[in-house]
Amino acid sequence: MPVPKRKTGRSKTHSRRSTHIIEAPAKSTCPQCHQPKLPHRVCAECGYYNGKEVIDTE
């Protein structure tokens, strides 16, 4: 198996890892109650998804 001849420098390592960042999850608004929610998930406030009540919230 081939082995690198020289050590990889810090600049090369840091530039490769520059895209390894953590981002906050995307938010969307519920069309029923206009509260922020995660996309493609049931709204925790009103229980609606895709215009239908999926879970009963009281």
C-alpha atoms as a PDB file:
ATOM      1  CA  MET A   1       0.000   0.000   0.000  1.00  0.00           C
ATOM      2  CA  PRO A   2       1.476   3.406  -0.917  1.00  0.00           C
ATOM      3  CA  VAL A   3       2.494   5.769   1.861  1.00  0.00           C
ATOM      4  CA  PRO A   4       2.754   9.588   1.578  1.00  0.00           C
ATOM      5  CA  LYS A   5       6.327  10.783   1.136  1.00  0.00           C
ATOM      6  CA  ARG A   6       5.813  14.051   3.048  1.00  0.00           C
ATOM      7  CA  LYS A   7       3.587  15.177   5.916  1.00  0.00           C
ATOM      8  CA  THR A   8       0.439  17.056   4.870  1.00  0.00           C
ATOM      9  CA  GLY A   9       0.737  20.675   5.971  1.00  0.00           C
ATOM     10  CA  ARG A  10      -1.632  22.514   8.299  1.00  0.00           C
ATOM     11  CA  SER A  11      -2.881  24.778   5.538  1.00  0.00           C
ATOM     12  CA  LYS A  12      -3.976  21.848   3.379  1.00  0.00           C
ATOM     13  CA  THR A  13      -5.621  20.106   6.342  1.00  0.00           C
ATOM     14  CA  HIS A  14      -7.483  23.212   7.495  1.00  0.00           C
ATOM     15  CA  SER A  15      -8.673  24.096   4.008  1.00  0.00           C
ATOM     16  CA  ARG A  16     -10.030  20.562   3.565  1.00  0.00           C
ATOM     17  CA  ARG A  17     -11.846  20.707   6.909  1.00  0.00           C
ATOM     18  CA  SER A  18     -13.244  24.202   6.362  1.00  0.00           C
ATOM     19  CA  THR A  19     -16.582  22.756   5.208  1.00  0.00           C
ATOM     20  CA  HIS A  20     -17.034  20.622   8.355  1.00  0.00           C
ATOM     21  CA  ILE A  21     -19.309  23.135  10.050  1.00  0.00           C
ATOM     22  CA  ILE A  22     -22.496  22.503  11.988  1.00  0.00           C
ATOM     23  CA  GLU A  23     -25.532  24.458  10.800  1.00  0.00           C
ATOM     24  CA  ALA A  24     -28.830  25.067  12.535  1.00  0.00           C
ATOM     25  CA  PRO A  25     -31.756  23.046  11.155  1.00  0.00           C
ATOM     26  CA  ALA A  26     -34.031  24.787   8.667  1.00  0.00           C
ATOM     27  CA  LYS A  27     -37.315  26.251   9.926  1.00  0.00           C
ATOM     28  CA  SER A  28     -40.612  26.752   8.158  1.00  0.00           C
ATOM     29  CA  THR A  29     -43.966  28.105   9.308  1.00  0.00           C
ATOM     30  CA  CYS A  30     -47.090  26.061   9.833  1.00  0.00           C
ATOM     31  CA  PRO A  31     -49.846  27.115   7.403  1.00  0.00           C
ATOM     32  CA  GLN A  32     -52.528  26.449  10.058  1.00  0.00           C
ATOM     33  CA  CYS A  33     -51.219  28.200  13.186  1.00  0.00           C
ATOM     34  CA  HIS A  34     -48.223  30.118  11.699  1.00  0.00           C
ATOM     35  CA  GLN A  35     -45.809  28.785  14.346  1.00  0.00           C
ATOM     36  CA  PRO A  36     -42.230  27.799  13.419  1.00  0.00           C
ATOM     37  CA  LYS A  37     -41.735  24.078  12.801  1.00  0.00           C
ATOM     38  CA  LEU A  38     -39.270  21.719  11.170  1.00  0.00           C
ATOM     39  CA  PRO A  39     -40.053  20.973   7.504  1.00  0.00           C
ATOM     40  CA  HIS A  40     -41.725  17.647   6.618  1.00  0.00           C
ATOM     41  CA  ARG A  41     -42.864  17.090  10.207  1.00  0.00           C
ATOM     42  CA  VAL A  42     -46.136  17.381  12.103  1.00  0.00           C
ATOM     43  CA  CYS A  43     -46.646  20.742  13.788  1.00  0.00           C
ATOM     44  CA  ALA A  44     -46.226  20.358  17.552  1.00  0.00           C
ATOM     45  CA  GLU A  45     -48.611  23.247  18.286  1.00  0.00           C
ATOM     46  CA  CYS A  46     -51.711  22.314  16.256  1.00  0.00           C
ATOM     47  CA  GLY A  47     -51.004  18.708  15.164  1.00  0.00           C
ATOM     48  CA  TYR A  48     -51.562  19.335  11.443  1.00  0.00           C
ATOM     49  CA  TYR A  49     -49.500  17.974   8.548  1.00  0.00           C
ATOM     50  CA  ASN A  50     -50.259  18.577   4.864  1.00  0.00           C
ATOM     51  CA  GLY A  51     -53.623  20.170   5.679  1.00  0.00           C
ATOM     52  CA  LYS A  52     -54.879  17.216   7.779  1.00  0.00           C
ATOM     53  CA  GLU A  53     -55.039  16.797  11.538  1.00  0.00           C
ATOM     54  CA  VAL A  54     -52.671  13.940  12.326  1.00  0.00           C
ATOM     55  CA  ILE A  55     -52.432  14.099  16.114  1.00  0.00           C
ATOM     56  CA  ASP A  56     -54.966  15.412  18.583  1.00  0.00           C
ATOM     57  CA  THR A  57     -53.557  18.284  20.663  1.00  0.00           C
ATOM     58  CA  GLU A  58     -55.570  19.761  23.480  1.00  0.00           C
END
